[in-house]
């Protein structure tokens, strides 16, 4: 039994390739009975977002930011499982 649940967008499995291409995704994830929001970015999209925000606002801030090679379910699950295993 997994100790987490990922609240995926309803169309995620049909359009996972599109989320991966977009390079970012905000998800609610339940871990051991608590809910957390994580924003997942790939490095390229994160760089673009940081540059845009610095230009527009002079700062960049994102709570619970996770950078993964590609924004896909496999990498998101890998992050969560590694995070859970390091907290034991």
PDB file of N, CA and C in Angstrom:
ATOM      1  N   UNK A   1       0.832  -1.188   0.000  1.00  0.00           N
ATOM      2  CA  UNK A   1       0.000   0.000   0.000  1.00  0.00           C
ATOM      3  C   UNK A   1       0.878   1.253   0.000  1.00  0.00           C
ATOM      4  N   UNK A   2       0.545   2.216  -0.847  1.00  0.00           N
ATOM      5  CA  UNK A   2       1.329   3.444  -0.882  1.00  0.00           C
ATOM      6  C   UNK A   2       0.881   4.377   0.234  1.00  0.00           C
ATOM      7  N   UNK A   3       1.817   5.125   0.756  1.00  0.00           N
ATOM      8  CA  UNK A   3       1.536   6.070   1.833  1.00  0.00           C
ATOM      9  C   UNK A   3       1.215   7.452   1.276  1.00  0.00           C
ATOM     10  N   UNK A   4       0.902   7.524  -0.013  1.00  0.00           N
ATOM     11  CA  UNK A   4       0.591   8.823  -0.612  1.00  0.00           C
ATOM     12  C   UNK A   4      -0.465   8.668  -1.700  1.00  0.00           C
ATOM     13  N   UNK A   5      -1.091   9.795  -2.005  1.00  0.00           N
ATOM     14  CA  UNK A   5      -2.070   9.843  -3.089  1.00  0.00           C
ATOM     15  C   UNK A   5      -1.862  11.148  -3.846  1.00  0.00           C
ATOM     16  N   UNK A   6      -1.730  11.052  -5.157  1.00  0.00           N
ATOM     17  CA  UNK A   6      -1.528  12.222  -6.005  1.00  0.00           C
ATOM     18  C   UNK A   6      -2.867  12.613  -6.620  1.00  0.00           C
ATOM     19  N   UNK A   7      -3.285  13.836  -6.387  1.00  0.00           N
ATOM     20  CA  UNK A   7      -4.517  14.361  -6.988  1.00  0.00           C
ATOM     21  C   UNK A   7      -4.172  14.886  -8.382  1.00  0.00           C
ATOM     22  N   UNK A   8      -4.249  14.017  -9.360  1.00  0.00           N
ATOM     23  CA  UNK A   8      -3.920  14.393 -10.735  1.00  0.00           C
ATOM     24  C   UNK A   8      -5.096  15.108 -11.386  1.00  0.00           C
ATOM     25  N   UNK A   9      -4.808  16.009 -12.333  1.00  0.00           N
ATOM     26  CA  UNK A   9      -5.904  16.591 -13.110  1.00  0.00           C
ATOM     27  C   UNK A   9      -6.690  15.469 -13.787  1.00  0.00           C
ATOM     28  N   UNK A  10      -7.975  15.687 -13.971  1.00  0.00           N
ATOM     29  CA  UNK A  10      -8.854  14.649 -14.516  1.00  0.00           C
ATOM     30  C   UNK A  10      -8.369  14.126 -15.869  1.00  0.00           C
ATOM     31  N   UNK A  11      -7.779  14.991 -16.666  1.00  0.00           N
ATOM     32  CA  UNK A  11      -7.337  14.612 -18.013  1.00  0.00           C
ATOM     33  C   UNK A  11      -5.863  14.214 -18.078  1.00  0.00           C
ATOM     34  N   UNK A  12      -5.232  14.029 -16.922  1.00  0.00           N
ATOM     35  CA  UNK A  12      -3.780  13.836 -16.897  1.00  0.00           C
ATOM     36  C   UNK A  12      -3.313  12.677 -17.769  1.00  0.00           C
ATOM     37  N   UNK A  13      -3.945  11.532 -17.656  1.00  0.00           N
ATOM     38  CA  UNK A  13      -3.458  10.356 -18.385  1.00  0.00           C
ATOM     39  C   UNK A  13      -3.624  10.515 -19.897  1.00  0.00           C
ATOM     40  N   UNK A  14      -4.621  11.276 -20.318  1.00  0.00           N
ATOM     41  CA  UNK A  14      -4.796  11.534 -21.750  1.00  0.00           C
ATOM     42  C   UNK A  14      -3.792  12.554 -22.275  1.00  0.00           C
ATOM     43  N   UNK A  15      -3.368  13.456 -21.398  1.00  0.00           N
ATOM     44  CA  UNK A  15      -2.522  14.568 -21.841  1.00  0.00           C
ATOM     45  C   UNK A  15      -1.207  14.667 -21.078  1.00  0.00           C
ATOM     46  N   UNK A  16      -0.725  13.566 -20.536  1.00  0.00           N
ATOM     47  CA  UNK A  16       0.531  13.611 -19.783  1.00  0.00           C
ATOM     48  C   UNK A  16       1.654  14.180 -20.638  1.00  0.00           C
ATOM     49  N   UNK A  17       1.672  13.833 -21.910  1.00  0.00           N
ATOM     50  CA  UNK A  17       2.704  14.346 -22.823  1.00  0.00           C
ATOM     51  C   UNK A  17       2.657  15.872 -22.888  1.00  0.00           C
ATOM     52  N   UNK A  18       1.451  16.439 -22.806  1.00  0.00           N
ATOM     53  CA  UNK A  18       1.313  17.896 -22.886  1.00  0.00           C
ATOM     54  C   UNK A  18       1.808  18.568 -21.601  1.00  0.00           C
ATOM     55  N   UNK A  19       1.509  17.961 -20.451  1.00  0.00           N
ATOM     56  CA  UNK A  19       2.018  18.488 -19.186  1.00  0.00           C
ATOM     57  C   UNK A  19       3.543  18.422 -19.173  1.00  0.00           C
ATOM     58  N   UNK A  20       4.088  17.331 -19.685  1.00  0.00           N
ATOM     59  CA  UNK A  20       5.549  17.189 -19.742  1.00  0.00           C
ATOM     60  C   UNK A  20       6.153  18.254 -20.649  1.00  0.00           C
ATOM     61  N   UNK A  21       5.521  18.497 -21.775  1.00  0.00           N
ATOM     62  CA  UNK A  21       6.030  19.497 -22.717  1.00  0.00           C
ATOM     63  C   UNK A  21       5.930  20.909 -22.145  1.00  0.00           C
ATOM     64  N   UNK A  22       4.862  21.177 -21.393  1.00  0.00           N
ATOM     65  CA  UNK A  22       4.656  22.485 -20.773  1.00  0.00           C
ATOM     66  C   UNK A  22       5.737  22.762 -19.724  1.00  0.00           C
ATOM     67  N   UNK A  23       6.173  21.725 -19.022  1.00  0.00           N
ATOM     68  CA  UNK A  23       7.301  21.859 -18.108  1.00  0.00           C
ATOM     69  C   UNK A  23       6.975  22.278 -16.692  1.00  0.00           C
ATOM     70  N   UNK A  24       5.711  22.350 -16.328  1.00  0.00           N
ATOM     71  CA  UNK A  24       5.367  22.635 -14.926  1.00  0.00           C
ATOM     72  C   UNK A  24       3.977  22.100 -14.615  1.00  0.00           C
ATOM     73  N   UNK A  25       3.773  21.824 -13.319  1.00  0.00           N
ATOM     74  CA  UNK A  25       2.491  21.283 -12.883  1.00  0.00           C
ATOM     75  C   UNK A  25       2.349  21.498 -11.382  1.00  0.00           C
ATOM     76  N   UNK A  26       1.216  22.030 -10.965  1.00  0.00           N
ATOM     77  CA  UNK A  26       0.884  22.194  -9.551  1.00  0.00           C
ATOM     78  C   UNK A  26      -0.015  21.033  -9.148  1.00  0.00           C
ATOM     79  N   UNK A  27       0.374  20.326  -8.088  1.00  0.00           N
ATOM     80  CA  UNK A  27      -0.390  19.157  -7.637  1.00  0.00           C
ATOM     81  C   UNK A  27      -0.603  19.179  -6.129  1.00  0.00           C
ATOM     82  N   UNK A  28      -1.753  18.673  -5.704  1.00  0.00           N
ATOM     83  CA  UNK A  28      -1.974  18.389  -4.293  1.00  0.00           C
ATOM     84  C   UNK A  28      -1.659  16.906  -4.095  1.00  0.00           C
ATOM     85  N   UNK A  29      -0.874  16.635  -3.058  1.00  0.00           N
ATOM     86  CA  UNK A  29      -0.464  15.263  -2.774  1.00  0.00           C
ATOM     87  C   UNK A  29      -0.719  14.990  -1.299  1.00  0.00           C
ATOM     88  N   UNK A  30      -1.438  13.908  -1.023  1.00  0.00           N
ATOM     89  CA  UNK A  30      -1.671  13.478   0.354  1.00  0.00           C
ATOM     90  C   UNK A  30      -0.556  12.510   0.732  1.00  0.00           C
ATOM     91  N   UNK A  31       0.130  12.834   1.823  1.00  0.00           N
ATOM     92  CA  UNK A  31       1.220  11.987   2.312  1.00  0.00           C
ATOM     93  C   UNK A  31       0.961  11.697   3.786  1.00  0.00           C
ATOM     94  N   UNK A  32       0.775  10.433   4.099  1.00  0.00           N
ATOM     95  CA  UNK A  32       0.539   9.993   5.483  1.00  0.00           C
ATOM     96  C   UNK A  32      -0.544  10.825   6.167  1.00  0.00           C
ATOM     97  N   UNK A  33      -1.645  11.053   5.462  1.00  0.00           N
ATOM     98  CA  UNK A  33      -2.785  11.743   6.053  1.00  0.00           C
ATOM     99  C   UNK A  33      -2.750  13.257   6.011  1.00  0.00           C
ATOM    100  N   UNK A  34      -1.686  13.849   5.482  1.00  0.00           N
ATOM    101  CA  UNK A  34      -1.595  15.311   5.365  1.00  0.00           C
ATOM    102  C   UNK A  34      -1.545  15.691   3.892  1.00  0.00           C
ATOM    103  N   UNK A  35      -2.147  16.833   3.562  1.00  0.00           N
ATOM    104  CA  UNK A  35      -2.161  17.309   2.175  1.00  0.00           C
ATOM    105  C   UNK A  35      -1.117  18.400   1.981  1.00  0.00           C
ATOM    106  N   UNK A  36      -0.407  18.322   0.867  1.00  0.00           N
ATOM    107  CA  UNK A  36       0.620  19.296   0.508  1.00  0.00           C
ATOM    108  C   UNK A  36       0.427  19.694  -0.951  1.00  0.00           C
ATOM    109  N   UNK A  37       0.779  20.931  -1.258  1.00  0.00           N
ATOM    110  CA  UNK A  37       0.829  21.372  -2.646  1.00  0.00           C
ATOM    111  C   UNK A  37       2.289  21.458  -3.059  1.00  0.00           C
ATOM    112  N   UNK A  38       2.607  20.888  -4.210  1.00  0.00           N
ATOM    113  CA  UNK A  38       3.944  20.966  -4.787  1.00  0.00           C
ATOM    114  C   UNK A  38       3.826  21.516  -6.198  1.00  0.00           C
ATOM    115  N   UNK A  39       4.767  22.358  -6.562  1.00  0.00           N
ATOM    116  CA  UNK A  39       4.854  22.826  -7.939  1.00  0.00           C
ATOM    117  C   UNK A  39       6.083  22.180  -8.553  1.00  0.00           C
ATOM    118  N   UNK A  40       5.866  21.401  -9.593  1.00  0.00           N
ATOM    119  CA  UNK A  40       6.941  20.690 -10.278  1.00  0.00           C
ATOM    120  C   UNK A  40       7.326  21.454 -11.541  1.00  0.00           C
ATOM    121  N   UNK A  41       8.625  21.650 -11.725  1.00  0.00           N
ATOM    122  CA  UNK A  41       9.161  22.317 -12.912  1.00  0.00           C
ATOM    123  C   UNK A  41      10.260  21.461 -13.512  1.00  0.00           C
ATOM    124  N   UNK A  42      10.426  21.570 -14.824  1.00  0.00           N
ATOM    125  CA  UNK A  42      11.663  21.076 -15.415  1.00  0.00           C
ATOM    126  C   UNK A  42      12.638  22.252 -15.427  1.00  0.00           C
ATOM    127  N   UNK A  43      13.947  22.000 -15.545  1.00  0.00           N
ATOM    128  CA  UNK A  43      14.936  23.075 -15.435  1.00  0.00           C
ATOM    129  C   UNK A  43      14.759  24.197 -16.463  1.00  0.00           C
ATOM    130  N   UNK A  44      14.398  23.862 -17.684  1.00  0.00           N
ATOM    131  CA  UNK A  44      14.253  24.883 -18.726  1.00  0.00           C
ATOM    132  C   UNK A  44      13.092  25.809 -18.405  1.00  0.00           C
ATOM    133  N   UNK A  45      11.943  25.243 -18.100  1.00  0.00           N
ATOM    134  CA  UNK A  45      10.766  26.068 -17.789  1.00  0.00           C
ATOM    135  C   UNK A  45      10.998  26.899 -16.532  1.00  0.00           C
ATOM    136  N   UNK A  46      11.666  26.327 -15.537  1.00  0.00           N
ATOM    137  CA  UNK A  46      11.956  27.080 -14.321  1.00  0.00           C
ATOM    138  C   UNK A  46      12.812  28.298 -14.643  1.00  0.00           C
ATOM    139  N   UNK A  47      13.830  28.108 -15.472  1.00  0.00           N
ATOM    140  CA  UNK A  47      14.680  29.233 -15.865  1.00  0.00           C
ATOM    141  C   UNK A  47      13.886  30.333 -16.545  1.00  0.00           C
ATOM    142  N   UNK A  48      12.970  29.953 -17.422  1.00  0.00           N
ATOM    143  CA  UNK A  48      12.128  30.934 -18.112  1.00  0.00           C
ATOM    144  C   UNK A  48      11.226  31.670 -17.125  1.00  0.00           C
ATOM    145  N   UNK A  49      10.643  30.931 -16.202  1.00  0.00           N
ATOM    146  CA  UNK A  49       9.736  31.524 -15.221  1.00  0.00           C
ATOM    147  C   UNK A  49      10.481  32.472 -14.291  1.00  0.00           C
ATOM    148  N   UNK A  50      11.661  32.066 -13.839  1.00  0.00           N
ATOM    149  CA  UNK A  50      12.471  32.934 -12.982  1.00  0.00           C
ATOM    150  C   UNK A  50      12.820  34.222 -13.725  1.00  0.00           C
ATOM    151  N   UNK A  51      13.278  34.092 -14.951  1.00  0.00           N
ATOM    152  CA  UNK A  51      13.645  35.272 -15.747  1.00  0.00           C
ATOM    153  C   UNK A  51      12.449  36.209 -15.917  1.00  0.00           C
ATOM    154  N   UNK A  52      11.293  35.656 -16.257  1.00  0.00           N
ATOM    155  CA  UNK A  52      10.086  36.471 -16.436  1.00  0.00           C
ATOM    156  C   UNK A  52       9.684  37.178 -15.143  1.00  0.00           C
ATOM    157  N   UNK A  53       9.700  36.453 -14.033  1.00  0.00           N
ATOM    158  CA  UNK A  53       9.309  37.056 -12.757  1.00  0.00           C
ATOM    159  C   UNK A  53      10.298  38.118 -12.296  1.00  0.00           C
ATOM    160  N   UNK A  54      11.587  37.871 -12.496  1.00  0.00           N
ATOM    161  CA  UNK A  54      12.579  38.877 -12.127  1.00  0.00           C
ATOM    162  C   UNK A  54      12.397  40.144 -12.948  1.00  0.00           C
ATOM    163  N   UNK A  55      12.114  39.980 -14.209  1.00  0.00           N
ATOM    164  CA  UNK A  55      11.896  41.127 -15.088  1.00  0.00           C
ATOM    165  C   UNK A  55      10.645  41.908 -14.686  1.00  0.00           C
ATOM    166  N   UNK A  56       9.611  41.191 -14.323  1.00  0.00           N
ATOM    167  CA  UNK A  56       8.322  41.824 -14.022  1.00  0.00           C
ATOM    168  C   UNK A  56       8.220  42.319 -12.579  1.00  0.00           C
ATOM    169  N   UNK A  57       8.704  41.507 -11.614  1.00  0.00           N
ATOM    170  CA  UNK A  57       8.499  41.807 -10.191  1.00  0.00           C
ATOM    171  C   UNK A  57       9.792  42.045  -9.405  1.00  0.00           C
ATOM    172  N   UNK A  58      10.935  41.767  -9.995  1.00  0.00           N
ATOM    173  CA  UNK A  58      12.240  41.863  -9.333  1.00  0.00           C
ATOM    174  C   UNK A  58      12.466  40.787  -8.274  1.00  0.00           C
ATOM    175  N   UNK A  59      11.670  39.737  -8.276  1.00  0.00           N
ATOM    176  CA  UNK A  59      11.894  38.605  -7.376  1.00  0.00           C
ATOM    177  C   UNK A  59      11.205  37.368  -7.953  1.00  0.00           C
ATOM    178  N   UNK A  60      11.609  36.222  -7.427  1.00  0.00           N
ATOM    179  CA  UNK A  60      10.941  34.959  -7.745  1.00  0.00           C
ATOM    180  C   UNK A  60      10.734  34.207  -6.443  1.00  0.00           C
ATOM    181  N   UNK A  61       9.534  33.694  -6.237  1.00  0.00           N
ATOM    182  CA  UNK A  61       9.231  32.888  -5.058  1.00  0.00           C
ATOM    183  C   UNK A  61       8.214  31.827  -5.444  1.00  0.00           C
ATOM    184  N   UNK A  62       8.460  30.617  -5.008  1.00  0.00           N
ATOM    185  CA  UNK A  62       7.516  29.518  -5.224  1.00  0.00           C
ATOM    186  C   UNK A  62       7.655  28.561  -4.046  1.00  0.00           C
ATOM    187  N   UNK A  63       6.600  28.428  -3.268  1.00  0.00           N
ATOM    188  CA  UNK A  63       6.619  27.532  -2.116  1.00  0.00           C
ATOM    189  C   UNK A  63       6.537  26.081  -2.588  1.00  0.00           C
ATOM    190  N   UNK A  64       7.274  25.208  -1.921  1.00  0.00           N
ATOM    191  CA  UNK A  64       7.280  23.769  -2.238  1.00  0.00           C
ATOM    192  C   UNK A  64       7.603  23.503  -3.706  1.00  0.00           C
ATOM    193  N   UNK A  65       8.628  24.147  -4.168  1.00  0.00           N
ATOM    194  CA  UNK A  65       9.098  24.006  -5.547  1.00  0.00           C
ATOM    195  C   UNK A  65       9.969  22.755  -5.665  1.00  0.00           C
ATOM    196  N   UNK A  66       9.684  21.947  -6.681  1.00  0.00           N
ATOM    197  CA  UNK A  66      10.459  20.735  -6.943  1.00  0.00           C
ATOM    198  C   UNK A  66      10.906  20.778  -8.397  1.00  0.00           C
ATOM    199  N   UNK A  67      12.202  20.636  -8.629  1.00  0.00           N
ATOM    200  CA  UNK A  67      12.738  20.610  -9.990  1.00  0.00           C
ATOM    201  C   UNK A  67      13.064  19.162 -10.336  1.00  0.00           C
ATOM    202  N   UNK A  68      12.464  18.699 -11.424  1.00  0.00           N
ATOM    203  CA  UNK A  68      12.709  17.338 -11.904  1.00  0.00           C
ATOM    204  C   UNK A  68      13.076  17.410 -13.382  1.00  0.00           C
ATOM    205  N   UNK A  69      13.776  16.404 -13.852  1.00  0.00           N
ATOM    206  CA  UNK A  69      14.266  16.391 -15.230  1.00  0.00           C
ATOM    207  C   UNK A  69      13.140  16.606 -16.238  1.00  0.00           C
ATOM    208  N   UNK A  70      12.057  15.861 -16.081  1.00  0.00           N
ATOM    209  CA  UNK A  70      10.870  15.992 -16.934  1.00  0.00           C
ATOM    210  C   UNK A  70       9.646  15.887 -16.040  1.00  0.00           C
ATOM    211  N   UNK A  71       8.649  16.710 -16.315  1.00  0.00           N
ATOM    212  CA  UNK A  71       7.432  16.702 -15.508  1.00  0.00           C
ATOM    213  C   UNK A  71       6.515  15.592 -16.016  1.00  0.00           C
ATOM    214  N   UNK A  72       6.696  14.414 -15.419  1.00  0.00           N
ATOM    215  CA  UNK A  72       5.846  13.270 -15.755  1.00  0.00           C
ATOM    216  C   UNK A  72       5.577  12.470 -14.482  1.00  0.00           C
ATOM    217  N   UNK A  73       4.611  11.577 -14.562  1.00  0.00           N
ATOM    218  CA  UNK A  73       4.176  10.837 -13.377  1.00  0.00           C
ATOM    219  C   UNK A  73       5.303  10.002 -12.772  1.00  0.00           C
ATOM    220  N   UNK A  74       6.106   9.392 -13.597  1.00  0.00           N
ATOM    221  CA  UNK A  74       7.213   8.563 -13.095  1.00  0.00           C
ATOM    222  C   UNK A  74       8.157   9.386 -12.216  1.00  0.00           C
ATOM    223  N   UNK A  75       8.546  10.565 -12.684  1.00  0.00           N
ATOM    224  CA  UNK A  75       9.472  11.404 -11.917  1.00  0.00           C
ATOM    225  C   UNK A  75       8.818  11.984 -10.665  1.00  0.00           C
ATOM    226  N   UNK A  76       7.536  12.312 -10.755  1.00  0.00           N
ATOM    227  CA  UNK A  76       6.814  12.820  -9.587  1.00  0.00           C
ATOM    228  C   UNK A  76       6.722  11.733  -8.518  1.00  0.00           C
ATOM    229  N   UNK A  77       6.367  10.518  -8.917  1.00  0.00           N
ATOM    230  CA  UNK A  77       6.295   9.403  -7.965  1.00  0.00           C
ATOM    231  C   UNK A  77       7.663   9.113  -7.364  1.00  0.00           C
ATOM    232  N   UNK A  78       8.707   9.173  -8.165  1.00  0.00           N
ATOM    233  CA  UNK A  78      10.062   8.942  -7.675  1.00  0.00           C
ATOM    234  C   UNK A  78      10.425   9.969  -6.601  1.00  0.00           C
ATOM    235  N   UNK A  79      10.110  11.241  -6.849  1.00  0.00           N
ATOM    236  CA  UNK A  79      10.369  12.288  -5.857  1.00  0.00           C
ATOM    237  C   UNK A  79       9.644  11.987  -4.545  1.00  0.00           C
ATOM    238  N   UNK A  80       8.356  11.679  -4.635  1.00  0.00           N
ATOM    239  CA  UNK A  80       7.554  11.444  -3.425  1.00  0.00           C
ATOM    240  C   UNK A  80       8.087  10.238  -2.654  1.00  0.00           C
ATOM    241  N   UNK A  81       8.360   9.154  -3.355  1.00  0.00           N
ATOM    242  CA  UNK A  81       8.854   7.947  -2.686  1.00  0.00           C
ATOM    243  C   UNK A  81      10.212   8.184  -2.037  1.00  0.00           C
ATOM    244  N   UNK A  82      11.095   8.921  -2.700  1.00  0.00           N
ATOM    245  CA  UNK A  82      12.390   9.249  -2.096  1.00  0.00           C
ATOM    246  C   UNK A  82      12.217  10.136  -0.871  1.00  0.00           C
ATOM    247  N   UNK A  83      11.300  11.093  -0.947  1.00  0.00           N
ATOM    248  CA  UNK A  83      11.050  11.986   0.179  1.00  0.00           C
ATOM    249  C   UNK A  83      10.494  11.200   1.369  1.00  0.00           C
ATOM    250  N   UNK A  84       9.557  10.310   1.111  1.00  0.00           N
ATOM    251  CA  UNK A  84       8.973   9.496   2.185  1.00  0.00           C
ATOM    252  C   UNK A  84      10.041   8.599   2.808  1.00  0.00           C
ATOM    253  N   UNK A  85      10.884   7.987   1.985  1.00  0.00           N
ATOM    254  CA  UNK A  85      11.915   7.073   2.489  1.00  0.00           C
ATOM    255  C   UNK A  85      12.980   7.785   3.304  1.00  0.00           C
ATOM    256  N   UNK A  86      13.274   9.047   3.010  1.00  0.00           N
ATOM    257  CA  UNK A  86      14.287   9.766   3.783  1.00  0.00           C
ATOM    258  C   UNK A  86      13.741  10.254   5.116  1.00  0.00           C
ATOM    259  N   UNK A  87      12.423  10.304   5.269  1.00  0.00           N
ATOM    260  CA  UNK A  87      11.831  10.749   6.534  1.00  0.00           C
ATOM    261  C   UNK A  87      11.679   9.612   7.534  1.00  0.00           C
ATOM    262  N   UNK A  88      11.965   8.384   7.130  1.00  0.00           N
ATOM    263  CA  UNK A  88      11.807   7.236   8.042  1.00  0.00           C
ATOM    264  C   UNK A  88      12.959   7.159   9.008  1.00  0.00           C
TER     265      UNK A  88
END
